[in-house]
Amino acid sequence: QVQLGESGGGLVQAGGSLRLSCAASGLTFSSYSMGWFRQTPGKEREFVGAITNSGSLRSYADFVQGRFWISRDNAKNTVTLQMNNLKPKETAVYYCAATPNAYASSSDSTDYHYWGQGTQVTVSS
C-alpha cells in the first residue's frame, strides 16, 4: 500500500520560512516524480512545484519566483519543499503527490496517482 505523509507545516509570520517534508512508502520511490500542491477552502488544488525521479529537473509555479526549492533523497524516500519569504495568501493545506511519469515534472494534478493527507501552513500577517 502506497503511503505519502507530509510534515513540517505550522504557523509562521509573513516573510518567514518553513520546510515541508514528505515521506513515501510502498512504492519504488526513485521511479516516481514528486509534486507539491496546495489548496484553500473553496478553491481548486494548485500546483506549487515538482521534481523528476532523479532530481535532475524541477519546475515551479510562476508565483514561486525563486522563493521555494524542492529536493529529494531517494535513499530515504523523502521529498522536501523549502519555502522562504512566505506570504499570508499562501496559507493553505500543502500536499505531496507521486506520479509514475518519472521524467517530467508535471503541473497537472491528474498525472499524480498518489497523494498525502496534507499539512496545514498558516502565514500570519
N, C-alpha and C. Protein backbone atom coordinates (compact mmCIF):
# COMPACT_ATOMS: atom_id res chain seq x y z
N GLN A 1 0.84 -1.19 0.00
CA GLN A 1 0.00 0.00 0.00
C GLN A 1 0.88 1.25 0.00
N VAL A 2 0.62 2.11 -0.95
CA VAL A 2 1.40 3.34 -1.05
C VAL A 2 0.92 4.34 0.00
N GLN A 3 1.88 4.92 0.67
CA GLN A 3 1.56 5.96 1.64
C GLN A 3 2.50 7.13 1.47
N LEU A 4 1.94 8.32 1.48
CA LEU A 4 2.70 9.56 1.48
C LEU A 4 2.29 10.35 2.72
N GLY A 5 3.28 10.81 3.45
CA GLY A 5 2.98 11.54 4.68
C GLY A 5 3.75 12.83 4.77
N GLU A 6 3.03 13.94 4.81
CA GLU A 6 3.66 15.25 4.91
C GLU A 6 3.86 15.65 6.37
N SER A 7 4.88 16.44 6.59
CA SER A 7 5.14 17.00 7.91
C SER A 7 5.82 18.34 7.75
N GLY A 8 5.87 19.11 8.83
CA GLY A 8 6.58 20.37 8.80
C GLY A 8 5.71 21.60 8.68
N GLY A 9 4.41 21.40 8.53
CA GLY A 9 3.54 22.56 8.46
C GLY A 9 3.42 23.24 9.81
N GLY A 10 2.79 24.42 9.81
CA GLY A 10 2.61 25.14 11.05
C GLY A 10 2.31 26.59 10.80
N LEU A 11 2.50 27.37 11.84
CA LEU A 11 2.22 28.81 11.80
C LEU A 11 3.54 29.56 11.66
N VAL A 12 3.57 30.49 10.72
CA VAL A 12 4.76 31.28 10.51
C VAL A 12 4.33 32.71 10.17
N GLN A 13 5.15 33.65 10.53
CA GLN A 13 4.85 35.04 10.20
C GLN A 13 5.20 35.32 8.74
N ALA A 14 4.55 36.30 8.19
CA ALA A 14 4.86 36.72 6.82
C ALA A 14 6.35 37.04 6.71
N GLY A 15 6.94 36.58 5.63
CA GLY A 15 8.37 36.73 5.44
C GLY A 15 9.20 35.60 6.01
N GLY A 16 8.56 34.72 6.74
CA GLY A 16 9.27 33.61 7.35
C GLY A 16 9.43 32.42 6.42
N SER A 17 9.98 31.35 6.97
CA SER A 17 10.27 30.16 6.18
C SER A 17 9.71 28.91 6.86
N LEU A 18 9.42 27.95 6.04
CA LEU A 18 9.03 26.62 6.51
C LEU A 18 9.64 25.58 5.59
N ARG A 19 9.89 24.44 6.15
CA ARG A 19 10.40 23.32 5.37
C ARG A 19 9.45 22.16 5.53
N LEU A 20 8.80 21.79 4.46
CA LEU A 20 7.88 20.66 4.47
C LEU A 20 8.60 19.41 3.98
N SER A 21 8.25 18.30 4.58
CA SER A 21 8.81 17.01 4.17
C SER A 21 7.70 16.05 3.83
N CYS A 22 8.00 15.13 2.96
CA CYS A 22 7.05 14.10 2.58
C CYS A 22 7.81 12.77 2.56
N ALA A 23 7.33 11.83 3.36
CA ALA A 23 7.92 10.51 3.41
C ALA A 23 7.04 9.53 2.65
N ALA A 24 7.65 8.75 1.80
CA ALA A 24 6.90 7.82 0.96
C ALA A 24 7.24 6.38 1.32
N SER A 25 6.26 5.53 1.19
CA SER A 25 6.47 4.10 1.39
C SER A 25 5.52 3.33 0.47
N GLY A 26 5.88 2.07 0.21
CA GLY A 26 5.02 1.21 -0.60
C GLY A 26 5.16 1.40 -2.09
N LEU A 27 6.17 2.15 -2.52
CA LEU A 27 6.41 2.34 -3.94
C LEU A 27 7.91 2.43 -4.18
N THR A 28 8.30 2.21 -5.42
CA THR A 28 9.71 2.38 -5.79
C THR A 28 9.93 3.87 -6.00
N PHE A 29 10.33 4.51 -4.94
CA PHE A 29 10.34 5.97 -4.90
C PHE A 29 11.15 6.57 -6.04
N SER A 30 12.27 5.97 -6.36
CA SER A 30 13.15 6.51 -7.39
C SER A 30 12.57 6.40 -8.79
N SER A 31 11.42 5.75 -8.92
CA SER A 31 10.76 5.65 -10.22
C SER A 31 9.64 6.66 -10.40
N TYR A 32 9.46 7.51 -9.41
CA TYR A 32 8.35 8.46 -9.43
C TYR A 32 8.85 9.90 -9.39
N SER A 33 8.21 10.73 -10.18
CA SER A 33 8.35 12.17 -9.98
C SER A 33 7.43 12.56 -8.83
N MET A 34 7.83 13.60 -8.13
CA MET A 34 7.08 14.05 -6.97
C MET A 34 6.66 15.50 -7.15
N GLY A 35 5.46 15.79 -6.71
CA GLY A 35 4.96 17.14 -6.83
C GLY A 35 4.43 17.66 -5.51
N TRP A 36 4.37 18.97 -5.42
CA TRP A 36 3.75 19.64 -4.28
C TRP A 36 2.60 20.50 -4.82
N PHE A 37 1.48 20.43 -4.14
CA PHE A 37 0.30 21.21 -4.46
C PHE A 37 -0.22 21.85 -3.17
N ARG A 38 -1.10 22.81 -3.35
CA ARG A 38 -1.73 23.41 -2.17
C ARG A 38 -3.19 23.72 -2.49
N GLN A 39 -3.95 23.82 -1.42
CA GLN A 39 -5.39 24.06 -1.60
C GLN A 39 -5.94 24.83 -0.42
N THR A 40 -6.79 25.79 -0.75
CA THR A 40 -7.53 26.52 0.27
C THR A 40 -9.02 26.21 0.08
N PRO A 41 -9.80 26.35 1.14
CA PRO A 41 -11.23 26.01 1.05
C PRO A 41 -11.92 26.76 -0.09
N GLY A 42 -12.66 26.02 -0.86
CA GLY A 42 -13.44 26.62 -1.94
C GLY A 42 -12.66 26.84 -3.22
N LYS A 43 -11.38 26.46 -3.21
CA LYS A 43 -10.57 26.65 -4.41
C LYS A 43 -10.02 25.32 -4.89
N GLU A 44 -9.65 25.30 -6.16
CA GLU A 44 -9.06 24.08 -6.70
C GLU A 44 -7.63 23.91 -6.19
N ARG A 45 -7.20 22.66 -6.22
CA ARG A 45 -5.83 22.38 -5.84
C ARG A 45 -4.89 23.04 -6.83
N GLU A 46 -3.84 23.65 -6.31
CA GLU A 46 -2.94 24.48 -7.10
C GLU A 46 -1.53 23.89 -7.10
N PHE A 47 -0.93 23.84 -8.27
CA PHE A 47 0.43 23.34 -8.39
C PHE A 47 1.41 24.30 -7.75
N VAL A 48 2.36 23.74 -7.01
CA VAL A 48 3.43 24.54 -6.41
C VAL A 48 4.76 24.25 -7.11
N GLY A 49 5.12 22.99 -7.21
CA GLY A 49 6.36 22.62 -7.85
C GLY A 49 6.49 21.12 -7.93
N ALA A 50 7.47 20.66 -8.71
CA ALA A 50 7.66 19.23 -8.89
C ALA A 50 9.13 18.94 -9.19
N ILE A 51 9.48 17.68 -8.99
CA ILE A 51 10.86 17.25 -9.24
C ILE A 51 10.81 15.87 -9.88
N THR A 52 11.65 15.64 -10.87
CA THR A 52 11.67 14.35 -11.53
C THR A 52 12.30 13.28 -10.65
N ASN A 53 12.23 12.05 -11.12
CA ASN A 53 12.63 10.93 -10.28
C ASN A 53 14.07 11.00 -9.81
N SER A 54 14.95 11.48 -10.66
CA SER A 54 16.38 11.56 -10.30
C SER A 54 16.74 12.89 -9.67
N GLY A 55 15.82 13.82 -9.70
CA GLY A 55 16.11 15.15 -9.18
C GLY A 55 16.79 16.06 -10.18
N SER A 56 16.88 15.60 -11.42
CA SER A 56 17.62 16.38 -12.41
C SER A 56 16.82 17.55 -12.97
N LEU A 57 15.51 17.50 -12.81
CA LEU A 57 14.66 18.56 -13.36
C LEU A 57 13.61 18.97 -12.34
N ARG A 58 13.46 20.26 -12.18
CA ARG A 58 12.46 20.83 -11.30
C ARG A 58 11.61 21.82 -12.08
N SER A 59 10.40 21.98 -11.65
CA SER A 59 9.57 23.03 -12.20
C SER A 59 8.78 23.65 -11.06
N TYR A 60 8.44 24.93 -11.23
CA TYR A 60 7.73 25.66 -10.19
C TYR A 60 6.62 26.49 -10.81
N ALA A 61 5.61 26.75 -10.01
CA ALA A 61 4.57 27.69 -10.44
C ALA A 61 5.16 29.08 -10.54
N ASP A 62 4.55 29.90 -11.36
CA ASP A 62 5.06 31.26 -11.56
C ASP A 62 5.12 32.05 -10.26
N PHE A 63 4.19 31.82 -9.38
CA PHE A 63 4.13 32.63 -8.16
C PHE A 63 5.30 32.34 -7.22
N VAL A 64 6.02 31.25 -7.45
CA VAL A 64 7.13 30.91 -6.56
C VAL A 64 8.23 31.96 -6.64
N GLN A 65 8.56 32.37 -7.85
CA GLN A 65 9.52 33.46 -8.06
C GLN A 65 10.80 33.28 -7.27
N GLY A 66 11.34 32.06 -7.29
CA GLY A 66 12.62 31.80 -6.69
C GLY A 66 12.62 31.64 -5.18
N ARG A 67 11.46 31.65 -4.55
CA ARG A 67 11.40 31.59 -3.09
C ARG A 67 11.39 30.15 -2.56
N PHE A 68 11.00 29.20 -3.38
CA PHE A 68 10.86 27.81 -2.93
C PHE A 68 11.91 26.93 -3.62
N TRP A 69 12.21 25.82 -2.93
CA TRP A 69 13.16 24.86 -3.51
C TRP A 69 12.72 23.46 -3.15
N ILE A 70 12.67 22.60 -4.16
CA ILE A 70 12.30 21.20 -3.95
C ILE A 70 13.54 20.35 -4.07
N SER A 71 13.68 19.42 -3.15
CA SER A 71 14.77 18.46 -3.22
C SER A 71 14.24 17.09 -2.82
N ARG A 72 15.01 16.08 -3.11
CA ARG A 72 14.60 14.73 -2.76
C ARG A 72 15.82 13.90 -2.38
N ASP A 73 15.55 12.88 -1.58
CA ASP A 73 16.58 11.94 -1.17
C ASP A 73 16.03 10.55 -1.47
N ASN A 74 16.47 9.96 -2.55
CA ASN A 74 15.94 8.66 -2.95
C ASN A 74 16.38 7.54 -2.02
N ALA A 75 17.43 7.75 -1.28
CA ALA A 75 17.86 6.74 -0.31
C ALA A 75 16.94 6.70 0.90
N LYS A 76 16.34 7.84 1.19
CA LYS A 76 15.45 7.94 2.36
C LYS A 76 13.98 8.03 1.97
N ASN A 77 13.69 7.98 0.68
CA ASN A 77 12.31 8.07 0.19
C ASN A 77 11.60 9.33 0.68
N THR A 78 12.30 10.44 0.60
CA THR A 78 11.71 11.68 1.05
C THR A 78 11.86 12.78 0.00
N VAL A 79 10.93 13.69 0.03
CA VAL A 79 11.00 14.89 -0.79
C VAL A 79 10.67 16.07 0.11
N THR A 80 11.37 17.16 -0.10
CA THR A 80 11.17 18.32 0.75
C THR A 80 10.83 19.55 -0.08
N LEU A 81 10.13 20.46 0.55
CA LEU A 81 9.78 21.74 -0.05
C LEU A 81 10.22 22.82 0.93
N GLN A 82 11.26 23.53 0.56
CA GLN A 82 11.73 24.65 1.36
C GLN A 82 11.04 25.90 0.86
N MET A 83 10.36 26.57 1.75
CA MET A 83 9.60 27.77 1.38
C MET A 83 10.13 28.96 2.16
N ASN A 84 10.51 29.98 1.45
CA ASN A 84 11.04 31.20 2.05
C ASN A 84 10.18 32.40 1.69
N ASN A 85 10.27 33.41 2.51
CA ASN A 85 9.54 34.65 2.27
C ASN A 85 8.05 34.38 2.02
N LEU A 86 7.45 33.66 2.92
CA LEU A 86 6.06 33.29 2.77
C LEU A 86 5.13 34.48 2.95
N LYS A 87 4.00 34.41 2.26
CA LYS A 87 3.01 35.48 2.27
C LYS A 87 1.70 34.97 2.87
N PRO A 88 0.94 35.85 3.49
CA PRO A 88 -0.33 35.41 4.09
C PRO A 88 -1.25 34.69 3.12
N LYS A 89 -1.26 35.12 1.86
CA LYS A 89 -2.16 34.48 0.89
C LYS A 89 -1.72 33.06 0.55
N GLU A 90 -0.57 32.65 1.05
CA GLU A 90 -0.10 31.29 0.80
C GLU A 90 -0.54 30.32 1.90
N THR A 91 -1.34 30.80 2.79
CA THR A 91 -1.97 29.93 3.77
C THR A 91 -2.82 28.89 3.05
N ALA A 92 -2.54 27.63 3.33
CA ALA A 92 -3.22 26.55 2.61
C ALA A 92 -2.82 25.22 3.22
N VAL A 93 -3.50 24.19 2.78
CA VAL A 93 -3.04 22.83 3.05
C VAL A 93 -2.13 22.43 1.90
N TYR A 94 -0.96 21.96 2.25
CA TYR A 94 0.04 21.59 1.25
C TYR A 94 0.10 20.07 1.16
N TYR A 95 0.09 19.59 -0.07
CA TYR A 95 0.07 18.15 -0.34
C TYR A 95 1.29 17.74 -1.16
N CYS A 96 1.81 16.57 -0.88
CA CYS A 96 2.77 15.98 -1.80
C CYS A 96 2.05 14.88 -2.59
N ALA A 97 2.58 14.61 -3.76
CA ALA A 97 1.95 13.64 -4.65
C ALA A 97 3.01 12.96 -5.50
N ALA A 98 2.69 11.76 -5.96
CA ALA A 98 3.63 10.97 -6.75
C ALA A 98 3.02 10.59 -8.08
N THR A 99 3.82 10.71 -9.12
CA THR A 99 3.40 10.30 -10.46
C THR A 99 4.43 9.35 -11.06
N PRO A 100 3.96 8.28 -11.73
CA PRO A 100 4.91 7.37 -12.38
C PRO A 100 5.52 7.96 -13.64
N ASN A 101 5.10 9.13 -14.02
CA ASN A 101 5.70 9.84 -15.14
C ASN A 101 7.04 10.39 -14.67
N ALA A 102 8.02 9.52 -14.62
CA ALA A 102 9.25 9.79 -13.88
C ALA A 102 10.10 10.90 -14.45
N TYR A 103 9.99 11.15 -15.76
CA TYR A 103 10.93 12.05 -16.41
C TYR A 103 10.36 13.43 -16.67
N ALA A 104 9.21 13.70 -16.11
CA ALA A 104 8.60 15.01 -16.29
C ALA A 104 8.16 15.55 -14.94
N SER A 105 8.36 16.83 -14.74
CA SER A 105 7.91 17.47 -13.51
C SER A 105 6.57 18.14 -13.80
N SER A 106 5.54 17.33 -13.78
CA SER A 106 4.22 17.76 -14.25
C SER A 106 3.52 18.69 -13.28
N SER A 107 2.82 19.66 -13.83
CA SER A 107 1.99 20.57 -13.04
C SER A 107 0.52 20.15 -13.05
N ASP A 108 0.21 19.08 -13.75
CA ASP A 108 -1.17 18.63 -13.90
C ASP A 108 -1.50 17.64 -12.79
N SER A 109 -2.43 18.00 -11.93
CA SER A 109 -2.74 17.14 -10.79
C SER A 109 -3.28 15.78 -11.22
N THR A 110 -3.85 15.71 -12.41
CA THR A 110 -4.41 14.43 -12.85
C THR A 110 -3.32 13.42 -13.22
N ASP A 111 -2.09 13.88 -13.36
CA ASP A 111 -0.97 12.97 -13.63
C ASP A 111 -0.54 12.20 -12.39
N TYR A 112 -0.94 12.68 -11.24
CA TYR A 112 -0.45 12.14 -9.97
C TYR A 112 -1.39 11.05 -9.45
N HIS A 113 -0.81 9.90 -9.15
CA HIS A 113 -1.60 8.76 -8.74
C HIS A 113 -1.79 8.68 -7.24
N TYR A 114 -0.83 9.17 -6.50
CA TYR A 114 -0.86 9.02 -5.05
C TYR A 114 -0.71 10.39 -4.39
N TRP A 115 -1.44 10.54 -3.29
CA TRP A 115 -1.46 11.82 -2.57
C TRP A 115 -1.33 11.59 -1.08
N GLY A 116 -0.67 12.54 -0.43
CA GLY A 116 -0.65 12.53 1.02
C GLY A 116 -1.91 13.18 1.58
N GLN A 117 -1.98 13.20 2.89
CA GLN A 117 -3.15 13.77 3.57
C GLN A 117 -3.07 15.28 3.70
N GLY A 118 -1.89 15.83 3.51
CA GLY A 118 -1.73 17.27 3.57
C GLY A 118 -1.26 17.75 4.92
N THR A 119 -0.61 18.90 4.90
CA THR A 119 -0.17 19.56 6.12
C THR A 119 -0.54 21.04 6.03
N GLN A 120 -1.06 21.56 7.12
CA GLN A 120 -1.54 22.93 7.12
C GLN A 120 -0.38 23.91 7.29
N VAL A 121 -0.36 24.90 6.43
CA VAL A 121 0.58 26.01 6.53
C VAL A 121 -0.24 27.28 6.72
N THR A 122 0.04 27.99 7.78
CA THR A 122 -0.65 29.24 8.06
C THR A 122 0.37 30.35 8.17
N VAL A 123 0.19 31.37 7.35
CA VAL A 123 1.10 32.50 7.34
C VAL A 123 0.35 33.72 7.88
N SER A 124 0.81 34.22 8.98
CA SER A 124 0.14 35.36 9.61
C SER A 124 0.75 36.67 9.13
N SER A 125 -0.08 37.68 9.11
CA SER A 125 0.40 39.00 8.65
C SER A 125 0.91 39.85 9.80
